[in-house]
Protein backbone atom coordinates (compact mmCIF):
# COMPACT_ATOMS: atom_id res chain seq x y z
CA MET A 1 0.00 0.00 0.00
CA ARG A 2 1.35 3.42 -0.95
CA ILE A 3 0.64 6.49 1.14
CA ARG A 4 1.00 9.87 -0.52
CA LEU A 5 3.20 12.32 1.33
CA SER A 6 0.53 14.98 0.94
CA ARG A 7 -1.98 12.79 2.78
CA ALA A 8 0.34 11.42 5.47
CA LEU A 9 1.92 14.78 6.31
CA PRO A 10 -1.11 16.39 8.02
CA VAL A 11 -1.51 13.30 10.21
CA ALA A 12 2.18 13.34 11.12
CA VAL A 13 2.04 17.06 11.94
CA ALA A 14 -1.04 16.55 14.14
CA VAL A 15 0.64 13.70 16.03
CA LEU A 16 3.82 15.72 16.46
CA ALA A 17 1.85 18.72 17.72
CA ALA A 18 -0.03 16.54 20.21
CA VAL A 19 3.17 14.96 21.50
CA THR A 20 4.99 18.29 21.87
CA ALA A 21 2.01 19.71 23.79
CA LEU A 22 2.35 17.07 26.52
CA PRO A 23 4.06 18.27 29.72
CA VAL A 24 7.60 16.93 30.09
CA SER A 25 7.33 16.38 33.83
CA ALA A 26 4.72 16.43 36.58
CA ALA A 27 6.25 19.72 37.74
CA GLY A 28 4.70 21.39 34.67
CA ALA A 29 7.68 22.25 32.50
CA ALA A 30 7.12 24.98 29.95
CA VAL A 31 5.61 23.73 26.70
CA ARG A 32 6.36 25.47 23.42
CA ALA A 33 3.56 25.95 20.94
CA PRO A 34 4.13 24.32 17.55
CA VAL A 35 5.39 26.68 14.87
CA PRO A 36 2.72 27.22 12.20
CA PRO A 37 3.70 26.18 8.68
CA THR A 38 4.80 28.87 6.24
CA ALA A 39 2.22 27.86 3.65
CA SER A 40 -1.41 27.05 4.26
CA VAL A 41 -2.40 23.40 4.32
CA ASP A 42 -4.45 24.21 1.20
CA HIS A 43 -1.26 24.63 -0.82
CA PRO A 44 0.09 21.55 -2.58
CA THR A 45 3.38 19.88 -1.80
CA TYR A 46 6.11 20.28 -4.39
CA ILE A 47 9.33 18.36 -4.99
CA VAL A 48 12.13 20.82 -5.79
CA THR A 49 15.50 19.67 -7.10
CA VAL A 50 18.55 21.92 -6.97
CA HIS A 51 22.09 21.90 -8.36
CA GLU A 52 24.51 19.58 -6.51
CA GLY A 53 26.59 22.50 -5.23
CA LEU A 54 23.64 24.07 -3.36
CA ASP A 55 22.20 23.23 0.05
CA PRO A 56 18.52 22.38 -0.51
CA ALA A 57 17.51 23.69 2.94
CA GLU A 58 19.17 27.05 2.21
CA VAL A 59 17.35 27.31 -1.13
CA ALA A 60 14.03 26.65 0.66
CA ASP A 61 14.90 29.30 3.23
CA MET A 62 15.56 31.85 0.45
CA VAL A 63 11.85 31.81 -0.44
CA GLY A 64 10.51 31.34 3.09
CA ALA A 65 9.59 27.67 2.59
CA ARG A 66 9.78 25.08 5.34
CA PRO A 67 10.84 21.70 3.91
CA VAL A 68 8.91 18.65 5.06
CA HIS A 69 11.82 16.57 3.79
CA VAL A 70 15.30 17.32 2.44
CA PHE A 71 16.73 14.84 -0.09
CA HIS A 72 20.47 14.22 -0.40
CA LYS A 73 20.81 10.80 -2.01
CA THR A 74 18.10 9.83 -4.50
CA LEU A 75 17.41 13.46 -5.36
CA HIS A 76 19.20 16.62 -4.37
CA GLY A 77 16.43 18.90 -3.19
CA PHE A 78 13.46 19.17 -0.86
CA ALA A 79 9.71 18.68 -0.53
CA ALA A 80 7.59 21.52 0.84
CA ARG A 81 4.10 23.00 0.74
CA LEU A 82 4.51 26.08 -1.42
CA THR A 83 2.38 29.09 -2.21
CA PRO A 84 2.16 30.22 -5.84
CA ALA A 85 4.46 33.15 -4.96
CA GLN A 86 7.07 30.76 -3.52
CA VAL A 87 6.92 28.62 -6.69
CA ALA A 88 7.47 31.73 -8.81
CA ALA A 89 10.39 32.83 -6.61
CA LEU A 90 12.01 29.39 -6.91
CA GLN A 91 11.59 29.42 -10.70
CA ALA A 92 13.59 32.67 -10.79
CA LEU A 93 16.49 31.31 -8.71
CA PRO A 94 19.59 30.08 -10.52
CA GLY A 95 20.47 26.52 -9.50
CA VAL A 96 16.86 25.33 -9.16
CA GLU A 97 16.63 22.46 -11.64
CA SER A 98 12.97 21.45 -11.36
CA ILE A 99 9.76 22.11 -9.43
CA GLU A 100 7.12 19.40 -9.64
CA GLU A 101 3.85 19.06 -7.76
CA ASP A 102 3.92 15.93 -5.58
CA GLY A 103 1.71 13.08 -6.66
CA THR A 104 1.55 9.35 -7.12
CA ALA A 105 3.26 7.49 -9.92
CA SER A 106 2.41 4.15 -11.46
CA ALA A 107 3.86 1.93 -14.14
CA MET A 108 2.02 2.08 -17.45
CA GLY A 109 1.42 -1.09 -19.42
CA SER A 110 1.99 -4.68 -18.33
CA PHE A 111 5.20 -6.56 -17.77
């Protein structure tokens, strides 16, 4: 069974937020509120690949994006929920090789 990143991410964020909201000790240690995402949950997740010489996290930071995953082996880039303005800003940056909306892939034909 395949789970799309765009469907699993909101669940993972909700679980993480619930866990971080739990007190650390019975003494009532201070609890930090989760940081809201840069882009609305209504914005799609994109896979962005960058030139090998660039740090994918730094490229994301240049446009105010918060990566949900940074790739260093299979791809050299990051996945993030992006606003249309962030997509346009990434398209204008030198060193950004591709920007693709996340989705599912399947083999075509029979083997």
